[in-house]
PDB file of N, CA and C in Angstrom:
ATOM      1  N   MET A   1      -2.930  27.970 -24.565  1.00  0.00           N
ATOM      2  CA  MET A   1      -1.621  28.300 -23.801  1.00  0.00           C
ATOM      3  C   MET A   1      -0.758  27.226 -22.788  1.00  0.00           C
ATOM      4  N   GLY A   2      -0.123  26.668 -22.374  1.00  0.00           N
ATOM      5  CA  GLY A   2       0.361  26.097 -21.607  1.00  0.00           C
ATOM      6  C   GLY A   2       0.932  26.825 -20.030  1.00  0.00           C
ATOM      7  N   SER A   3       0.951  26.284 -18.587  1.00  0.00           N
ATOM      8  CA  SER A   3       1.730  26.863 -18.097  1.00  0.00           C
ATOM      9  C   SER A   3       3.178  27.173 -18.046  1.00  0.00           C
ATOM     10  N   GLU A   4       3.789  28.070 -17.748  1.00  0.00           N
ATOM     11  CA  GLU A   4       5.249  28.107 -17.838  1.00  0.00           C
ATOM     12  C   GLU A   4       5.410  28.374 -16.581  1.00  0.00           C
ATOM     13  N   GLU A   5       7.312  27.060 -16.532  1.00  0.00           N
ATOM     14  CA  GLU A   5       7.545  27.546 -15.074  1.00  0.00           C
ATOM     15  C   GLU A   5       8.189  29.276 -15.597  1.00  0.00           C
ATOM     16  N   GLU A   6       8.158  29.746 -13.643  1.00  0.00           N
ATOM     17  CA  GLU A   6       8.702  30.349 -13.722  1.00  0.00           C
ATOM     18  C   GLU A   6      10.329  30.553 -13.616  1.00  0.00           C
ATOM     19  N   VAL A   7      11.186  31.917 -14.199  1.00  0.00           N
ATOM     20  CA  VAL A   7      12.455  31.346 -14.609  1.00  0.00           C
ATOM     21  C   VAL A   7      12.798  31.898 -12.944  1.00  0.00           C
ATOM     22  N   VAL A   8      14.155  31.594 -12.602  1.00  0.00           N
ATOM     23  CA  VAL A   8      14.705  31.396 -11.511  1.00  0.00           C
ATOM     24  C   VAL A   8      16.554  31.624 -12.091  1.00  0.00           C
ATOM     25  N   ASP A   9      16.958  32.727 -11.044  1.00  0.00           N
ATOM     26  CA  ASP A   9      17.818  33.544 -10.817  1.00  0.00           C
ATOM     27  C   ASP A   9      18.948  32.542 -10.713  1.00  0.00           C
ATOM     28  N   HIS A  10      19.875  31.349 -10.676  1.00  0.00           N
ATOM     29  CA  HIS A  10      20.628  31.178  -9.557  1.00  0.00           C
ATOM     30  C   HIS A  10      21.743  31.816  -9.041  1.00  0.00           C
ATOM     31  N   LEU A  11      22.422  32.792 -10.987  1.00  0.00           N
ATOM     32  CA  LEU A  11      23.420  33.614 -10.558  1.00  0.00           C
ATOM     33  C   LEU A  11      23.553  34.450  -8.737  1.00  0.00           C
ATOM     34  N   PRO A  12      22.526  34.936  -8.329  1.00  0.00           N
ATOM     35  CA  PRO A  12      22.921  35.822  -6.961  1.00  0.00           C
ATOM     36  C   PRO A  12      23.345  35.235  -6.030  1.00  0.00           C
ATOM     37  N   ALA A  13      22.561  33.404  -5.958  1.00  0.00           N
ATOM     38  CA  ALA A  13      22.982  32.528  -4.826  1.00  0.00           C
ATOM     39  C   ALA A  13      24.193  31.943  -4.892  1.00  0.00           C
ATOM     40  N   LEU A  14      24.926  32.170  -6.636  1.00  0.00           N
ATOM     41  CA  LEU A  14      26.065  31.583  -6.362  1.00  0.00           C
ATOM     42  C   LEU A  14      26.956  32.899  -6.380  1.00  0.00           C
ATOM     43  N   LYS A  15      26.827  33.426  -6.307  1.00  0.00           N
ATOM     44  CA  LYS A  15      27.429  34.506  -6.390  1.00  0.00           C
ATOM     45  C   LYS A  15      28.648  34.697  -4.501  1.00  0.00           C
ATOM     46  N   ALA A  16      26.950  34.794  -3.869  1.00  0.00           N
ATOM     47  CA  ALA A  16      27.156  35.175  -3.294  1.00  0.00           C
ATOM     48  C   ALA A  16      28.226  34.061  -1.818  1.00  0.00           C
ATOM     49  N   THR A  17      28.014  32.823  -2.602  1.00  0.00           N
ATOM     50  CA  THR A  17      28.505  31.474  -2.214  1.00  0.00           C
ATOM     51  C   THR A  17      30.512  31.760  -2.246  1.00  0.00           C
ATOM     52  N   CYS A  18      30.290  31.920  -3.707  1.00  0.00           N
ATOM     53  CA  CYS A  18      31.247  32.399  -4.116  1.00  0.00           C
ATOM     54  C   CYS A  18      32.511  33.144  -3.188  1.00  0.00           C
ATOM     55  N   LYS A  19      31.876  34.523  -2.928  1.00  0.00           N
ATOM     56  CA  LYS A  19      32.521  35.445  -2.643  1.00  0.00           C
ATOM     57  C   LYS A  19      32.813  35.267  -1.181  1.00  0.00           C
ATOM     58  N   LYS A  20      32.436  34.072  -0.474  1.00  0.00           N
ATOM     59  CA  LYS A  20      32.525  33.177   1.059  1.00  0.00           C
ATOM     60  C   LYS A  20      34.165  32.765   0.985  1.00  0.00           C
ATOM     61  N   HIS A  21      34.655  32.421  -1.263  1.00  0.00           N
ATOM     62  CA  HIS A  21      35.969  31.404  -0.594  1.00  0.00           C
ATOM     63  C   HIS A  21      36.444  33.019  -1.039  1.00  0.00           C
ATOM     64  N   CYS A  22      36.735  34.233  -1.104  1.00  0.00           N
ATOM     65  CA  CYS A  22      37.659  34.974  -1.326  1.00  0.00           C
ATOM     66  C   CYS A  22      37.805  35.737  -0.357  1.00  0.00           C
ATOM     67  N   PRO A  23      38.164  35.396   0.846  1.00  0.00           N
ATOM     68  CA  PRO A  23      38.417  36.627   1.525  1.00  0.00           C
ATOM     69  C   PRO A  23      39.680  37.218   1.779  1.00  0.00           C
ATOM     70  N   ALA A  24      40.740  37.086   1.287  1.00  0.00           N
ATOM     71  CA  ALA A  24      41.443  38.169   1.203  1.00  0.00           C
ATOM     72  C   ALA A  24      40.427  38.750   0.170  1.00  0.00           C
ATOM     73  N   GLU A  25      40.066  38.953  -0.647  1.00  0.00           N
ATOM     74  CA  GLU A  25      39.872  40.183  -2.083  1.00  0.00           C
ATOM     75  C   GLU A  25      38.512  41.067  -1.281  1.00  0.00           C
ATOM     76  N   THR A  26      37.827  40.048  -0.305  1.00  0.00           N
ATOM     77  CA  THR A  26      36.825  40.755   0.140  1.00  0.00           C
ATOM     78  C   THR A  26      37.287  41.828   1.659  1.00  0.00           C
ATOM     79  N   LYS A  27      37.788  41.011   2.258  1.00  0.00           N
ATOM     80  CA  LYS A  27      38.456  41.688   3.563  1.00  0.00           C
ATOM     81  C   LYS A  27      40.037  43.400   2.549  1.00  0.00           C
ATOM     82  N   ALA A  28      40.818  43.297   1.409  1.00  0.00           N
ATOM     83  CA  ALA A  28      41.279  44.004   1.325  1.00  0.00           C
ATOM     84  C   ALA A  28      40.015  45.860   0.354  1.00  0.00           C
ATOM     85  N   TYR A  29      39.001  44.352  -0.386  1.00  0.00           N
ATOM     86  CA  TYR A  29      37.488  45.587  -0.934  1.00  0.00           C
ATOM     87  C   TYR A  29      36.596  46.809   0.450  1.00  0.00           C
ATOM     88  N   ASP A  30      37.142  45.873   0.873  1.00  0.00           N
ATOM     89  CA  ASP A  30      35.741  46.476   2.570  1.00  0.00           C
ATOM     90  C   ASP A  30      36.739  48.080   2.993  1.00  0.00           C
ATOM     91  N   ALA A  31      38.450  47.153   3.121  1.00  0.00           N
ATOM     92  CA  ALA A  31      39.085  48.440   3.903  1.00  0.00           C
ATOM     93  C   ALA A  31      39.542  49.361   2.788  1.00  0.00           C
ATOM     94  N   CYS A  32      39.720  49.483   1.491  1.00  0.00           N
ATOM     95  CA  CYS A  32      39.417  50.543   0.518  1.00  0.00           C
ATOM     96  C   CYS A  32      38.405  51.051   0.175  1.00  0.00           C
ATOM     97  N   THR A  33      36.979  50.808   0.068  1.00  0.00           N
ATOM     98  CA  THR A  33      36.013  51.159   0.921  1.00  0.00           C
ATOM     99  C   THR A  33      35.858  52.375   2.102  1.00  0.00           C
ATOM    100  N   LYS A  34      36.470  51.532   3.351  1.00  0.00           N
ATOM    101  CA  LYS A  34      36.290  52.514   4.129  1.00  0.00           C
ATOM    102  C   LYS A  34      37.465  53.233   4.371  1.00  0.00           C
ATOM    103  N   ARG A  35      38.527  53.318   4.150  1.00  0.00           N
ATOM    104  CA  ARG A  35      39.241  54.292   3.685  1.00  0.00           C
ATOM    105  C   ARG A  35      38.962  55.358   2.270  1.00  0.00           C
ATOM    106  N   ILE A  36      38.191  55.088   1.435  1.00  0.00           N
ATOM    107  CA  ILE A  36      37.510  56.209   1.005  1.00  0.00           C
ATOM    108  C   ILE A  36      36.899  57.132   1.466  1.00  0.00           C
ATOM    109  N   ALA A  37      36.217  56.384   2.596  1.00  0.00           N
ATOM    110  CA  ALA A  37      34.495  56.833   3.343  1.00  0.00           C
ATOM    111  C   ALA A  37      35.323  57.743   3.872  1.00  0.00           C
ATOM    112  N   LYS A  38      36.166  57.950   4.978  1.00  0.00           N
ATOM    113  CA  LYS A  38      36.817  58.342   5.743  1.00  0.00           C
ATOM    114  C   LYS A  38      37.811  59.384   4.709  1.00  0.00           C
ATOM    115  N   LEU A  39      38.660  59.353   3.533  1.00  0.00           N
ATOM    116  CA  LEU A  39      38.970  60.505   2.896  1.00  0.00           C
ATOM    117  C   LEU A  39      38.069  61.419   2.511  1.00  0.00           C
ATOM    118  N   GLY A  40      37.250  60.638   1.579  1.00  0.00           N
ATOM    119  CA  GLY A  40      35.989  61.864   0.429  1.00  0.00           C
ATOM    120  C   GLY A  40      36.764  61.561  -0.428  1.00  0.00           C
ATOM    121  N   GLU A  41      37.748  60.766  -0.953  1.00  0.00           N
ATOM    122  CA  GLU A  41      37.411  60.951  -2.417  1.00  0.00           C
ATOM    123  C   GLU A  41      38.684  59.447  -2.458  1.00  0.00           C
ATOM    124  N   GLY A  42      38.842  59.439  -4.306  1.00  0.00           N
ATOM    125  CA  GLY A  42      39.484  58.370  -4.483  1.00  0.00           C
ATOM    126  C   GLY A  42      38.321  57.313  -4.904  1.00  0.00           C
ATOM    127  N   ASP A  43      38.922  56.005  -5.265  1.00  0.00           N
ATOM    128  CA  ASP A  43      37.786  55.011  -5.760  1.00  0.00           C
ATOM    129  C   ASP A  43      38.634  53.524  -4.981  1.00  0.00           C
ATOM    130  N   CYS A  44      37.971  52.857  -5.600  1.00  0.00           N
ATOM    131  CA  CYS A  44      38.486  51.057  -5.335  1.00  0.00           C
ATOM    132  C   CYS A  44      37.664  49.550  -5.839  1.00  0.00           C
ATOM    133  N   GLU A  45      38.198  51.434  -7.128  1.00  0.00           N
ATOM    134  CA  GLU A  45      38.356  49.708  -9.067  1.00  0.00           C
ATOM    135  C   GLU A  45      38.736  48.984  -9.092  1.00  0.00           C
ATOM    136  N   ALA A  46      40.696  49.018  -8.628  1.00  0.00           N
ATOM    137  CA  ALA A  46      41.308  47.993  -8.194  1.00  0.00           C
ATOM    138  C   ALA A  46      40.959  47.120  -8.023  1.00  0.00           C
ATOM    139  N   TRP A  47      40.538  47.196  -6.647  1.00  0.00           N
ATOM    140  CA  TRP A  47      39.954  46.149  -5.172  1.00  0.00           C
ATOM    141  C   TRP A  47      38.738  44.972  -5.705  1.00  0.00           C
ATOM    142  N   TYR A  48      38.023  46.144  -6.206  1.00  0.00           N
ATOM    143  CA  TYR A  48      36.858  46.081  -6.615  1.00  0.00           C
ATOM    144  C   TYR A  48      36.632  44.710  -7.786  1.00  0.00           C
ATOM    145  N   PHE A  49      37.885  44.411  -8.576  1.00  0.00           N
ATOM    146  CA  PHE A  49      37.966  43.989 -10.227  1.00  0.00           C
ATOM    147  C   PHE A  49      38.520  42.828  -9.552  1.00  0.00           C
ATOM    148  N   ASP A  50      39.313  42.944  -8.752  1.00  0.00           N
ATOM    149  CA  ASP A  50      39.759  42.534  -7.989  1.00  0.00           C
ATOM    150  C   ASP A  50      39.639  41.031  -7.334  1.00  0.00           C
ATOM    151  N   LEU A  51      38.421  41.682  -7.131  1.00  0.00           N
ATOM    152  CA  LEU A  51      36.936  40.922  -5.961  1.00  0.00           C
ATOM    153  C   LEU A  51      36.320  39.647  -7.281  1.00  0.00           C
ATOM    154  N   LEU A  52      36.032  40.786  -7.809  1.00  0.00           N
ATOM    155  CA  LEU A  52      34.797  40.134  -9.146  1.00  0.00           C
ATOM    156  C   LEU A  52      35.704  39.846  -9.937  1.00  0.00           C
ATOM    157  N   HIS A  53      36.511  39.130  -9.995  1.00  0.00           N
ATOM    158  CA  HIS A  53      37.691  37.993 -10.454  1.00  0.00           C
ATOM    159  C   HIS A  53      37.473  36.987  -9.775  1.00  0.00           C
ATOM    160  N   CYS A  54      37.600  36.996  -8.492  1.00  0.00           N
ATOM    161  CA  CYS A  54      37.754  35.876  -7.417  1.00  0.00           C
ATOM    162  C   CYS A  54      36.677  35.078  -7.540  1.00  0.00           C
ATOM    163  N   VAL A  55      35.538  36.121  -7.534  1.00  0.00           N
ATOM    164  CA  VAL A  55      34.064  35.229  -7.217  1.00  0.00           C
ATOM    165  C   VAL A  55      33.748  34.490  -8.776  1.00  0.00           C
ATOM    166  N   ASP A  56      34.335  35.854 -10.018  1.00  0.00           N
ATOM    167  CA  ASP A  56      33.765  34.801 -11.203  1.00  0.00           C
ATOM    168  C   ASP A  56      34.635  33.642 -11.878  1.00  0.00           C
ATOM    169  N   HIS A  57      35.713  33.808 -11.120  1.00  0.00           N
ATOM    170  CA  HIS A  57      35.862  32.536 -10.773  1.00  0.00           C
ATOM    171  C   HIS A  57      35.806  30.903 -10.590  1.00  0.00           C
ATOM    172  N   CYS A  58      34.802  31.238  -9.169  1.00  0.00           N
ATOM    173  CA  CYS A  58      34.378  30.184  -8.327  1.00  0.00           C
ATOM    174  C   CYS A  58      32.813  29.747  -9.709  1.00  0.00           C
ATOM    175  N   VAL A  59      32.106  31.350  -9.446  1.00  0.00           N
ATOM    176  CA  VAL A  59      31.216  31.075 -10.660  1.00  0.00           C
ATOM    177  C   VAL A  59      30.963  30.111 -11.979  1.00  0.00           C
ATOM    178  N   ALA A  60      32.006  30.860 -13.004  1.00  0.00           N
ATOM    179  CA  ALA A  60      31.704  30.071 -13.637  1.00  0.00           C
ATOM    180  C   ALA A  60      31.459  28.785 -13.727  1.00  0.00           C
ATOM    181  N   PRO A  61      32.208  27.712 -13.797  1.00  0.00           N
ATOM    182  CA  PRO A  61      32.410  26.258 -13.531  1.00  0.00           C
ATOM    183  C   PRO A  61      31.015  25.947 -13.609  1.00  0.00           C
ATOM    184  N   GLN A  62      30.335  26.543 -12.653  1.00  0.00           N
ATOM    185  CA  GLN A  62      28.677  26.072 -11.635  1.00  0.00           C
ATOM    186  C   GLN A  62      27.847  26.791 -12.604  1.00  0.00           C
ATOM    187  N   ALA A  63      28.164  27.693 -12.694  1.00  0.00           N
ATOM    188  CA  ALA A  63      26.661  28.652 -13.805  1.00  0.00           C
ATOM    189  C   ALA A  63      25.263  28.435 -14.359  1.00  0.00           C
ATOM    190  N   PHE A  64      25.967  27.086 -15.172  1.00  0.00           N
ATOM    191  CA  PHE A  64      25.301  26.581 -16.605  1.00  0.00           C
ATOM    192  C   PHE A  64      25.128  25.420 -16.313  1.00  0.00           C
ATOM    193  N   LYS A  65      25.166  24.157 -14.816  1.00  0.00           N
ATOM    194  CA  LYS A  65      25.365  23.945 -14.815  1.00  0.00           C
ATOM    195  C   LYS A  65      23.019  23.246 -14.737  1.00  0.00           C
ATOM    196  N   ASN A  66      22.473  24.142 -14.070  1.00  0.00           N
ATOM    197  CA  ASN A  66      20.957  24.153 -13.761  1.00  0.00           C
ATOM    198  C   ASN A  66      20.538  24.692 -14.309  1.00  0.00           C
ATOM    199  N   LEU A  67      20.842  24.406 -15.867  1.00  0.00           N
ATOM    200  CA  LEU A  67      20.063  25.147 -17.123  1.00  0.00           C
ATOM    201  C   LEU A  67      19.542  23.563 -17.814  1.00  0.00           C
ATOM    202  N   LYS A  68      18.421  23.504 -18.548  1.00  0.00           N
ATOM    203  CA  LYS A  68      17.499  22.777 -18.911  1.00  0.00           C
ATOM    204  C   LYS A  68      18.117  22.574 -20.531  1.00  0.00           C
TER     205      LYS A  68
END
């Protein structure tokens, strides 16, 4: 068998970079998590999905560029 290249997952780095392009969504989600921590009840599901949608919108065009 020949030597194999180690597979590198670029998605975490792309998500981190793209999260910087979603400041409003990040701020809203962070504010929600602080409220929930203070109140001790509820969830931030809607804000989390808003943040994920924004990040995914940025990641999608770039995700497959580096594949061989």
